[in-house]
Amino acid sequence: MARFFAVFATDQPGMRDVRDRVRPSHRNYLRTAAQHGVYVRLGGPTLEPLCDAMNGTLLVVEADDINAVMQFVGNDPYMKEGLFSRVEVRPWDWSLGNPERRV
């Protein structure tokens, strides 16, 4: 049974040029998620407090298990280029705002 997972990734300091250079490949990779058994439901960059620069990534994905998500994240171009200092994947119960669930 598929479930949701939240992916929190924090950029390493001083890696803005890497983020900018690799971003097109990262976005294309996210569009192929279904080929890897992972379905991106929402996502985008996290921002600095003044909202003037990106500093990480937040994704909500759907997959059968956390291993599929970990493998998918591990093959992301951002990961391969060493952009992130930390990545955390957590099972997530999408309750509020889930179009398939009324609260």
PDB file of N, CA and C in Angstrom:
ATOM      1  N   MET A   1       0.835  -1.183   0.000  1.00  0.00           N
ATOM      2  CA  MET A   1       0.000   0.000   0.000  1.00  0.00           C
ATOM      3  C   MET A   1       0.884   1.253   0.000  1.00  0.00           C
ATOM      4  N   ALA A   2       0.611   2.146  -0.911  1.00  0.00           N
ATOM      5  CA  ALA A   2       1.389   3.380  -1.001  1.00  0.00           C
ATOM      6  C   ALA A   2       1.057   4.302   0.164  1.00  0.00           C
ATOM      7  N   ARG A   3       2.058   5.054   0.558  1.00  0.00           N
ATOM      8  CA  ARG A   3       1.861   6.051   1.612  1.00  0.00           C
ATOM      9  C   ARG A   3       2.683   7.287   1.252  1.00  0.00           C
ATOM     10  N   PHE A   4       2.480   8.343   2.006  1.00  0.00           N
ATOM     11  CA  PHE A   4       3.182   9.598   1.754  1.00  0.00           C
ATOM     12  C   PHE A   4       4.442   9.699   2.608  1.00  0.00           C
ATOM     13  N   PHE A   5       5.424  10.424   2.056  1.00  0.00           N
ATOM     14  CA  PHE A   5       6.678  10.696   2.747  1.00  0.00           C
ATOM     15  C   PHE A   5       7.042  12.157   2.524  1.00  0.00           C
ATOM     16  N   ALA A   6       7.546  12.800   3.563  1.00  0.00           N
ATOM     17  CA  ALA A   6       8.076  14.159   3.450  1.00  0.00           C
ATOM     18  C   ALA A   6       9.597  14.059   3.370  1.00  0.00           C
ATOM     19  N   VAL A   7      10.157  14.778   2.418  1.00  0.00           N
ATOM     20  CA  VAL A   7      11.605  14.809   2.229  1.00  0.00           C
ATOM     21  C   VAL A   7      12.072  16.234   2.532  1.00  0.00           C
ATOM     22  N   PHE A   8      12.939  16.355   3.527  1.00  0.00           N
ATOM     23  CA  PHE A   8      13.514  17.639   3.914  1.00  0.00           C
ATOM     24  C   PHE A   8      15.005  17.593   3.600  1.00  0.00           C
ATOM     25  N   ALA A   9      15.475  18.503   2.756  1.00  0.00           N
ATOM     26  CA  ALA A   9      16.893  18.538   2.406  1.00  0.00           C
ATOM     27  C   ALA A   9      17.418  19.953   2.618  1.00  0.00           C
ATOM     28  N   THR A  10      18.567  20.058   3.263  1.00  0.00           N
ATOM     29  CA  THR A  10      19.182  21.348   3.562  1.00  0.00           C
ATOM     30  C   THR A  10      20.465  21.494   2.754  1.00  0.00           C
ATOM     31  N   ASP A  11      20.592  22.632   2.069  1.00  0.00           N
ATOM     32  CA  ASP A  11      21.791  22.893   1.271  1.00  0.00           C
ATOM     33  C   ASP A  11      23.008  23.120   2.165  1.00  0.00           C
ATOM     34  N   GLN A  12      24.158  22.720   1.661  1.00  0.00           N
ATOM     35  CA  GLN A  12      25.417  23.091   2.303  1.00  0.00           C
ATOM     36  C   GLN A  12      25.653  24.586   2.065  1.00  0.00           C
ATOM     37  N   PRO A  13      26.256  25.281   3.009  1.00  0.00           N
ATOM     38  CA  PRO A  13      26.561  26.699   2.789  1.00  0.00           C
ATOM     39  C   PRO A  13      27.478  26.883   1.578  1.00  0.00           C
ATOM     40  N   GLY A  14      27.271  27.984   0.878  1.00  0.00           N
ATOM     41  CA  GLY A  14      28.146  28.335  -0.231  1.00  0.00           C
ATOM     42  C   GLY A  14      27.958  27.514  -1.489  1.00  0.00           C
ATOM     43  N   MET A  15      26.799  26.869  -1.631  1.00  0.00           N
ATOM     44  CA  MET A  15      26.582  25.988  -2.787  1.00  0.00           C
ATOM     45  C   MET A  15      25.539  26.541  -3.764  1.00  0.00           C
ATOM     46  N   ARG A  16      25.276  27.841  -3.697  1.00  0.00           N
ATOM     47  CA  ARG A  16      24.248  28.412  -4.568  1.00  0.00           C
ATOM     48  C   ARG A  16      24.557  28.182  -6.050  1.00  0.00           C
ATOM     49  N   ASP A  17      25.823  28.291  -6.427  1.00  0.00           N
ATOM     50  CA  ASP A  17      26.183  28.076  -7.829  1.00  0.00           C
ATOM     51  C   ASP A  17      25.875  26.647  -8.269  1.00  0.00           C
ATOM     52  N   VAL A  18      26.085  25.683  -7.378  1.00  0.00           N
ATOM     53  CA  VAL A  18      25.764  24.285  -7.688  1.00  0.00           C
ATOM     54  C   VAL A  18      24.256  24.139  -7.857  1.00  0.00           C
ATOM     55  N   ARG A  19      23.485  24.707  -6.936  1.00  0.00           N
ATOM     56  CA  ARG A  19      22.023  24.637  -7.030  1.00  0.00           C
ATOM     57  C   ARG A  19      21.552  25.226  -8.356  1.00  0.00           C
ATOM     58  N   ASP A  20      22.041  26.405  -8.693  1.00  0.00           N
ATOM     59  CA  ASP A  20      21.620  27.064  -9.930  1.00  0.00           C
ATOM     60  C   ASP A  20      22.004  26.250 -11.162  1.00  0.00           C
ATOM     61  N   ARG A  21      23.199  25.701 -11.167  1.00  0.00           N
ATOM     62  CA  ARG A  21      23.683  24.946 -12.332  1.00  0.00           C
ATOM     63  C   ARG A  21      22.930  23.635 -12.518  1.00  0.00           C
ATOM     64  N   VAL A  22      22.623  22.956 -11.415  1.00  0.00           N
ATOM     65  CA  VAL A  22      22.041  21.613 -11.480  1.00  0.00           C
ATOM     66  C   VAL A  22      20.508  21.643 -11.477  1.00  0.00           C
ATOM     67  N   ARG A  23      19.918  22.780 -11.162  1.00  0.00           N
ATOM     68  CA  ARG A  23      18.456  22.849 -11.011  1.00  0.00           C
ATOM     69  C   ARG A  23      17.674  22.304 -12.211  1.00  0.00           C
ATOM     70  N   PRO A  24      18.023  22.624 -13.453  1.00  0.00           N
ATOM     71  CA  PRO A  24      17.262  22.048 -14.569  1.00  0.00           C
ATOM     72  C   PRO A  24      17.286  20.514 -14.577  1.00  0.00           C
ATOM     73  N   SER A  25      18.436  19.924 -14.290  1.00  0.00           N
ATOM     74  CA  SER A  25      18.527  18.456 -14.240  1.00  0.00           C
ATOM     75  C   SER A  25      17.709  17.900 -13.083  1.00  0.00           C
ATOM     76  N   HIS A  26      17.758  18.568 -11.933  1.00  0.00           N
ATOM     77  CA  HIS A  26      16.967  18.156 -10.768  1.00  0.00           C
ATOM     78  C   HIS A  26      15.477  18.173 -11.103  1.00  0.00           C
ATOM     79  N   ARG A  27      15.016  19.235 -11.718  1.00  0.00           N
ATOM     80  CA  ARG A  27      13.586  19.351 -12.049  1.00  0.00           C
ATOM     81  C   ARG A  27      13.168  18.288 -13.065  1.00  0.00           C
ATOM     82  N   ASN A  28      14.008  18.039 -14.049  1.00  0.00           N
ATOM     83  CA  ASN A  28      13.706  16.976 -15.015  1.00  0.00           C
ATOM     84  C   ASN A  28      13.653  15.623 -14.327  1.00  0.00           C
ATOM     85  N   TYR A  29      14.566  15.383 -13.401  1.00  0.00           N
ATOM     86  CA  TYR A  29      14.580  14.120 -12.657  1.00  0.00           C
ATOM     87  C   TYR A  29      13.278  13.942 -11.876  1.00  0.00           C
ATOM     88  N   LEU A  30      12.810  14.999 -11.223  1.00  0.00           N
ATOM     89  CA  LEU A  30      11.552  14.901 -10.470  1.00  0.00           C
ATOM     90  C   LEU A  30      10.385  14.537 -11.383  1.00  0.00           C
ATOM     91  N   ARG A  31      10.436  14.990 -12.618  1.00  0.00           N
ATOM     92  CA  ARG A  31       9.362  14.675 -13.573  1.00  0.00           C
ATOM     93  C   ARG A  31       9.374  13.204 -13.989  1.00  0.00           C
ATOM     94  N   THR A  32      10.473  12.496 -13.741  1.00  0.00           N
ATOM     95  CA  THR A  32      10.555  11.071 -14.088  1.00  0.00           C
ATOM     96  C   THR A  32      10.293  10.173 -12.883  1.00  0.00           C
ATOM     97  N   ALA A  33       9.866  10.751 -11.776  1.00  0.00           N
ATOM     98  CA  ALA A  33       9.721  10.000 -10.517  1.00  0.00           C
ATOM     99  C   ALA A  33       8.881   8.741 -10.677  1.00  0.00           C
ATOM    100  N   ALA A  34       7.795   8.820 -11.440  1.00  0.00           N
ATOM    101  CA  ALA A  34       6.902   7.667 -11.584  1.00  0.00           C
ATOM    102  C   ALA A  34       7.628   6.458 -12.168  1.00  0.00           C
ATOM    103  N   GLN A  35       8.642   6.691 -12.984  1.00  0.00           N
ATOM    104  CA  GLN A  35       9.425   5.585 -13.540  1.00  0.00           C
ATOM    105  C   GLN A  35      10.192   4.836 -12.451  1.00  0.00           C
ATOM    106  N   HIS A  36      10.337   5.468 -11.302  1.00  0.00           N
ATOM    107  CA  HIS A  36      11.076   4.886 -10.177  1.00  0.00           C
ATOM    108  C   HIS A  36      10.138   4.425  -9.058  1.00  0.00           C
ATOM    109  N   GLY A  37       8.822   4.431  -9.340  1.00  0.00           N
ATOM    110  CA  GLY A  37       7.857   4.009  -8.331  1.00  0.00           C
ATOM    111  C   GLY A  37       7.597   5.041  -7.250  1.00  0.00           C
ATOM    112  N   VAL A  38       7.963   6.281  -7.526  1.00  0.00           N
ATOM    113  CA  VAL A  38       7.765   7.386  -6.587  1.00  0.00           C
ATOM    114  C   VAL A  38       6.962   8.458  -7.312  1.00  0.00           C
ATOM    115  N   TYR A  39       5.974   9.025  -6.638  1.00  0.00           N
ATOM    116  CA  TYR A  39       5.108  10.030  -7.240  1.00  0.00           C
ATOM    117  C   TYR A  39       5.230  11.317  -6.443  1.00  0.00           C
ATOM    118  N   VAL A  40       5.771  12.360  -7.081  1.00  0.00           N
ATOM    119  CA  VAL A  40       5.923  13.648  -6.409  1.00  0.00           C
ATOM    120  C   VAL A  40       4.558  14.322  -6.374  1.00  0.00           C
ATOM    121  N   ARG A  41       4.059  14.606  -5.176  1.00  0.00           N
ATOM    122  CA  ARG A  41       2.744  15.225  -5.010  1.00  0.00           C
ATOM    123  C   ARG A  41       2.832  16.730  -4.838  1.00  0.00           C
ATOM    124  N   LEU A  42       3.897  17.204  -4.218  1.00  0.00           N
ATOM    125  CA  LEU A  42       4.147  18.638  -4.127  1.00  0.00           C
ATOM    126  C   LEU A  42       5.590  18.851  -3.732  1.00  0.00           C
ATOM    127  N   GLY A  43       6.085  20.032  -4.003  1.00  0.00           N
ATOM    128  CA  GLY A  43       7.465  20.300  -3.640  1.00  0.00           C
ATOM    129  C   GLY A  43       7.922  21.660  -4.096  1.00  0.00           C
ATOM    130  N   GLY A  44       9.096  22.023  -3.628  1.00  0.00           N
ATOM    131  CA  GLY A  44       9.707  23.282  -3.999  1.00  0.00           C
ATOM    132  C   GLY A  44      10.871  23.582  -3.087  1.00  0.00           C
ATOM    133  N   PRO A  45      11.581  24.670  -3.406  1.00  0.00           N
ATOM    134  CA  PRO A  45      12.720  25.035  -2.576  1.00  0.00           C
ATOM    135  C   PRO A  45      12.268  25.681  -1.270  1.00  0.00           C
ATOM    136  N   THR A  46      13.039  25.457  -0.214  1.00  0.00           N
ATOM    137  CA  THR A  46      12.855  26.232   1.005  1.00  0.00           C
ATOM    138  C   THR A  46      13.711  27.487   0.859  1.00  0.00           C
ATOM    139  N   LEU A  47      13.359  28.507   1.635  1.00  0.00           N
ATOM    140  CA  LEU A  47      13.987  29.814   1.453  1.00  0.00           C
ATOM    141  C   LEU A  47      14.632  30.329   2.731  1.00  0.00           C
ATOM    142  N   GLU A  48      15.586  31.223   2.545  1.00  0.00           N
ATOM    143  CA  GLU A  48      16.188  31.950   3.663  1.00  0.00           C
ATOM    144  C   GLU A  48      15.101  32.796   4.334  1.00  0.00           C
ATOM    145  N   PRO A  49      15.305  33.219   5.588  1.00  0.00           N
ATOM    146  CA  PRO A  49      14.275  33.979   6.305  1.00  0.00           C
ATOM    147  C   PRO A  49      13.759  35.220   5.571  1.00  0.00           C
ATOM    148  N   LEU A  50      14.595  35.899   4.813  1.00  0.00           N
ATOM    149  CA  LEU A  50      14.147  37.076   4.072  1.00  0.00           C
ATOM    150  C   LEU A  50      13.588  36.715   2.693  1.00  0.00           C
ATOM    151  N   CYS A  51      13.489  35.429   2.412  1.00  0.00           N
ATOM    152  CA  CYS A  51      12.949  34.915   1.138  1.00  0.00           C
ATOM    153  C   CYS A  51      13.743  35.410  -0.069  1.00  0.00           C
ATOM    154  N   ASP A  52      15.033  35.641   0.118  1.00  0.00           N
ATOM    155  CA  ASP A  52      15.856  36.165  -0.960  1.00  0.00           C
ATOM    156  C   ASP A  52      16.793  35.127  -1.579  1.00  0.00           C
ATOM    157  N   ALA A  53      16.777  33.906  -1.041  1.00  0.00           N
ATOM    158  CA  ALA A  53      17.638  32.858  -1.597  1.00  0.00           C
ATOM    159  C   ALA A  53      17.106  31.485  -1.188  1.00  0.00           C
ATOM    160  N   MET A  54      17.306  30.509  -2.066  1.00  0.00           N
ATOM    161  CA  MET A  54      16.931  29.129  -1.761  1.00  0.00           C
ATOM    162  C   MET A  54      17.979  28.518  -0.834  1.00  0.00           C
ATOM    163  N   ASN A  55      17.525  27.660   0.093  1.00  0.00           N
ATOM    164  CA  ASN A  55      18.472  27.033   1.016  1.00  0.00           C
ATOM    165  C   ASN A  55      18.195  25.551   1.263  1.00  0.00           C
ATOM    166  N   GLY A  56      17.293  24.978   0.482  1.00  0.00           N
ATOM    167  CA  GLY A  56      16.974  23.569   0.656  1.00  0.00           C
ATOM    168  C   GLY A  56      15.817  23.159  -0.235  1.00  0.00           C
ATOM    169  N   THR A  57      15.328  21.963   0.003  1.00  0.00           N
ATOM    170  CA  THR A  57      14.245  21.391  -0.793  1.00  0.00           C
ATOM    171  C   THR A  57      13.264  20.694   0.131  1.00  0.00           C
ATOM    172  N   LEU A  58      11.985  20.848  -0.178  1.00  0.00           N
ATOM    173  CA  LEU A  58      10.923  20.123   0.510  1.00  0.00           C
ATOM    174  C   LEU A  58      10.099  19.410  -0.549  1.00  0.00           C
ATOM    175  N   LEU A  59       9.926  18.105  -0.393  1.00  0.00           N
ATOM    176  CA  LEU A  59       9.090  17.316  -1.294  1.00  0.00           C
ATOM    177  C   LEU A  59       8.115  16.496  -0.472  1.00  0.00           C
ATOM    178  N   VAL A  60       6.934  16.307  -1.003  1.00  0.00           N
ATOM    179  CA  VAL A  60       6.010  15.296  -0.492  1.00  0.00           C
ATOM    180  C   VAL A  60       5.825  14.313  -1.631  1.00  0.00           C
ATOM    181  N   VAL A  61       6.160  13.056  -1.358  1.00  0.00           N
ATOM    182  CA  VAL A  61       6.081  12.019  -2.381  1.00  0.00           C
ATOM    183  C   VAL A  61       5.210  10.876  -1.893  1.00  0.00           C
ATOM    184  N   GLU A  62       4.765  10.081  -2.831  1.00  0.00           N
ATOM    185  CA  GLU A  62       3.987   8.882  -2.520  1.00  0.00           C
ATOM    186  C   GLU A  62       4.748   7.686  -3.073  1.00  0.00           C
ATOM    187  N   ALA A  63       4.885   6.655  -2.252  1.00  0.00           N
ATOM    188  CA  ALA A  63       5.614   5.449  -2.664  1.00  0.00           C
ATOM    189  C   ALA A  63       5.172   4.286  -1.793  1.00  0.00           C
ATOM    190  N   ASP A  64       5.529   3.084  -2.212  1.00  0.00           N
ATOM    191  CA  ASP A  64       5.168   1.890  -1.442  1.00  0.00           C
ATOM    192  C   ASP A  64       5.936   1.777  -0.140  1.00  0.00           C
ATOM    193  N   ASP A  65       7.200   2.251  -0.141  1.00  0.00           N
ATOM    194  CA  ASP A  65       7.986   2.133   1.087  1.00  0.00           C
ATOM    195  C   ASP A  65       9.100   3.166   1.106  1.00  0.00           C
ATOM    196  N   ILE A  66       9.673   3.344   2.273  1.00  0.00           N
ATOM    197  CA  ILE A  66      10.714   4.358   2.457  1.00  0.00           C
ATOM    198  C   ILE A  66      11.970   4.026   1.658  1.00  0.00           C
ATOM    199  N   ASN A  67      12.231   2.759   1.407  1.00  0.00           N
ATOM    200  CA  ASN A  67      13.417   2.384   0.631  1.00  0.00           C
ATOM    201  C   ASN A  67      13.351   2.920  -0.791  1.00  0.00           C
ATOM    202  N   ALA A  68      12.165   2.888  -1.393  1.00  0.00           N
ATOM    203  CA  ALA A  68      12.005   3.438  -2.743  1.00  0.00           C
ATOM    204  C   ALA A  68      12.281   4.935  -2.740  1.00  0.00           C
ATOM    205  N   VAL A  69      11.819   5.616  -1.704  1.00  0.00           N
ATOM    206  CA  VAL A  69      12.044   7.060  -1.598  1.00  0.00           C
ATOM    207  C   VAL A  69      13.533   7.347  -1.399  1.00  0.00           C
ATOM    208  N   MET A  70      14.176   6.605  -0.518  1.00  0.00           N
ATOM    209  CA  MET A  70      15.601   6.812  -0.259  1.00  0.00           C
ATOM    210  C   MET A  70      16.430   6.590  -1.528  1.00  0.00           C
ATOM    211  N   GLN A  71      16.090   5.571  -2.287  1.00  0.00           N
ATOM    212  CA  GLN A  71      16.812   5.312  -3.533  1.00  0.00           C
ATOM    213  C   GLN A  71      16.572   6.443  -4.530  1.00  0.00           C
ATOM    214  N   PHE A  72      15.325   6.882  -4.636  1.00  0.00           N
ATOM    215  CA  PHE A  72      14.995   7.981  -5.540  1.00  0.00           C
ATOM    216  C   PHE A  72      15.765   9.246  -5.159  1.00  0.00           C
ATOM    217  N   VAL A  73      15.742   9.591  -3.890  1.00  0.00           N
ATOM    218  CA  VAL A  73      16.446  10.783  -3.416  1.00  0.00           C
ATOM    219  C   VAL A  73      17.954  10.635  -3.635  1.00  0.00           C
ATOM    220  N   GLY A  74      18.480   9.458  -3.405  1.00  0.00           N
ATOM    221  CA  GLY A  74      19.911   9.227  -3.579  1.00  0.00           C
ATOM    222  C   GLY A  74      20.397   9.406  -5.002  1.00  0.00           C
ATOM    223  N   ASN A  75      19.501   9.258  -5.969  1.00  0.00           N
ATOM    224  CA  ASN A  75      19.863   9.418  -7.375  1.00  0.00           C
ATOM    225  C   ASN A  75      19.534  10.800  -7.930  1.00  0.00           C
ATOM    226  N   ASP A  76      18.998  11.670  -7.095  1.00  0.00           N
ATOM    227  CA  ASP A  76      18.684  13.040  -7.510  1.00  0.00           C
ATOM    228  C   ASP A  76      19.988  13.754  -7.893  1.00  0.00           C
ATOM    229  N   PRO A  77      19.986  14.505  -8.990  1.00  0.00           N
ATOM    230  CA  PRO A  77      21.196  15.234  -9.376  1.00  0.00           C
ATOM    231  C   PRO A  77      21.751  16.140  -8.273  1.00  0.00           C
ATOM    232  N   TYR A  78      20.892  16.730  -7.467  1.00  0.00           N
ATOM    233  CA  TYR A  78      21.388  17.539  -6.346  1.00  0.00           C
ATOM    234  C   TYR A  78      22.228  16.690  -5.393  1.00  0.00           C
ATOM    235  N   MET A  79      21.765  15.488  -5.103  1.00  0.00           N
ATOM    236  CA  MET A  79      22.518  14.593  -4.214  1.00  0.00           C
ATOM    237  C   MET A  79      23.851  14.208  -4.847  1.00  0.00           C
ATOM    238  N   LYS A  80      23.805  13.861  -6.120  1.00  0.00           N
ATOM    239  CA  LYS A  80      25.025  13.430  -6.806  1.00  0.00           C
ATOM    240  C   LYS A  80      26.071  14.538  -6.884  1.00  0.00           C
ATOM    241  N   GLU A  81      25.616  15.789  -6.878  1.00  0.00           N
ATOM    242  CA  GLU A  81      26.541  16.929  -6.919  1.00  0.00           C
ATOM    243  C   GLU A  81      26.951  17.399  -5.526  1.00  0.00           C
ATOM    244  N   GLY A  82      26.439  16.749  -4.478  1.00  0.00           N
ATOM    245  CA  GLY A  82      26.840  17.096  -3.115  1.00  0.00           C
ATOM    246  C   GLY A  82      26.232  18.373  -2.570  1.00  0.00           C
ATOM    247  N   LEU A  83      25.071  18.769  -3.093  1.00  0.00           N
ATOM    248  CA  LEU A  83      24.443  20.020  -2.660  1.00  0.00           C
ATOM    249  C   LEU A  83      23.997  19.985  -1.199  1.00  0.00           C
ATOM    250  N   PHE A  84      23.455  18.872  -0.761  1.00  0.00           N
ATOM    251  CA  PHE A  84      22.818  18.832   0.552  1.00  0.00           C
ATOM    252  C   PHE A  84      23.784  18.476   1.677  1.00  0.00           C
ATOM    253  N   SER A  85      23.627  19.176   2.792  1.00  0.00           N
ATOM    254  CA  SER A  85      24.367  18.827   4.004  1.00  0.00           C
ATOM    255  C   SER A  85      23.583  17.827   4.838  1.00  0.00           C
ATOM    256  N   ARG A  86      22.275  17.816   4.646  1.00  0.00           N
ATOM    257  CA  ARG A  86      21.416  16.917   5.422  1.00  0.00           C
ATOM    258  C   ARG A  86      20.159  16.605   4.619  1.00  0.00           C
ATOM    259  N   VAL A  87      19.753  15.345   4.667  1.00  0.00           N
ATOM    260  CA  VAL A  87      18.496  14.914   4.050  1.00  0.00           C
ATOM    261  C   VAL A  87      17.775  14.036   5.051  1.00  0.00           C
ATOM    262  N   GLU A  88      16.495  14.317   5.227  1.00  0.00           N
ATOM    263  CA  GLU A  88      15.673  13.519   6.134  1.00  0.00           C
ATOM    264  C   GLU A  88      14.401  13.110   5.398  1.00  0.00           C
ATOM    265  N   VAL A  89      14.081  11.832   5.465  1.00  0.00           N
ATOM    266  CA  VAL A  89      12.853  11.304   4.862  1.00  0.00           C
ATOM    267  C   VAL A  89      12.006  10.752   6.000  1.00  0.00           C
ATOM    268  N   ARG A  90      10.763  11.233   6.078  1.00  0.00           N
ATOM    269  CA  ARG A  90       9.863  10.780   7.144  1.00  0.00           C
ATOM    270  C   ARG A  90       8.529  10.341   6.557  1.00  0.00           C
ATOM    271  N   PRO A  91       7.959   9.236   7.037  1.00  0.00           N
ATOM    272  CA  PRO A  91       6.583   8.915   6.676  1.00  0.00           C
ATOM    273  C   PRO A  91       5.694  10.076   7.124  1.00  0.00           C
ATOM    274  N   TRP A  92       4.677  10.372   6.320  1.00  0.00           N
ATOM    275  CA  TRP A  92       3.849  11.549   6.572  1.00  0.00           C
ATOM    276  C   TRP A  92       2.382  11.197   6.379  1.00  0.00           C
ATOM    277  N   ASP A  93       1.556  11.612   7.305  1.00  0.00           N
ATOM    278  CA  ASP A  93       0.111  11.400   7.222  1.00  0.00           C
ATOM    279  C   ASP A  93      -0.527  12.685   6.709  1.00  0.00           C
ATOM    280  N   TRP A  94      -0.849  12.721   5.424  1.00  0.00           N
ATOM    281  CA  TRP A  94      -1.433  13.914   4.807  1.00  0.00           C
ATOM    282  C   TRP A  94      -2.902  13.970   5.184  1.00  0.00           C
ATOM    283  N   SER A  95      -3.213  14.775   6.178  1.00  0.00           N
ATOM    284  CA  SER A  95      -4.597  14.848   6.640  1.00  0.00           C
ATOM    285  C   SER A  95      -5.273  16.121   6.148  1.00  0.00           C
ATOM    286  N   LEU A  96      -4.771  17.290   6.476  1.00  0.00           N
ATOM    287  CA  LEU A  96      -5.391  18.541   6.040  1.00  0.00           C
ATOM    288  C   LEU A  96      -5.017  18.857   4.599  1.00  0.00           C
ATOM    289  N   GLY A  97      -6.022  19.170   3.784  1.00  0.00           N
ATOM    290  CA  GLY A  97      -5.779  19.544   2.402  1.00  0.00           C
ATOM    291  C   GLY A  97      -5.633  18.392   1.426  1.00  0.00           C
ATOM    292  N   ASN A  98      -5.670  17.175   1.908  1.00  0.00           N
ATOM    293  CA  ASN A  98      -5.578  16.016   1.024  1.00  0.00           C
ATOM    294  C   ASN A  98      -6.898  15.896   0.270  1.00  0.00           C
ATOM    295  N   PRO A  99      -6.877  15.994  -1.070  1.00  0.00           N
ATOM    296  CA  PRO A  99      -8.126  15.953  -1.833  1.00  0.00           C
ATOM    297  C   PRO A  99      -8.870  14.621  -1.724  1.00  0.00           C
ATOM    298  N   GLU A 100      -8.194  13.574  -1.294  1.00  0.00           N
ATOM    299  CA  GLU A 100      -8.836  12.266  -1.173  1.00  0.00           C
ATOM    300  C   GLU A 100      -9.341  11.989   0.240  1.00  0.00           C
ATOM    301  N   ARG A 101      -9.189  12.965   1.119  1.00  0.00           N
ATOM    302  CA  ARG A 101      -9.526  12.733   2.519  1.00  0.00           C
ATOM    303  C   ARG A 101     -10.222  13.953   3.098  1.00  0.00           C
ATOM    304  N   ARG A 102     -11.345  13.753   3.691  1.00  0.00           N
ATOM    305  CA  ARG A 102     -12.063  14.866   4.310  1.00  0.00           C
ATOM    306  C   ARG A 102     -11.843  14.839   5.805  1.00  0.00           C
ATOM    307  N   VAL A 103     -11.500  15.983   6.350  1.00  0.00           N
ATOM    308  CA  VAL A 103     -11.282  16.082   7.798  1.00  0.00           C
ATOM    309  C   VAL A 103     -12.389  16.907   8.411  1.00  0.00           C
TER     310      VAL A 103
END
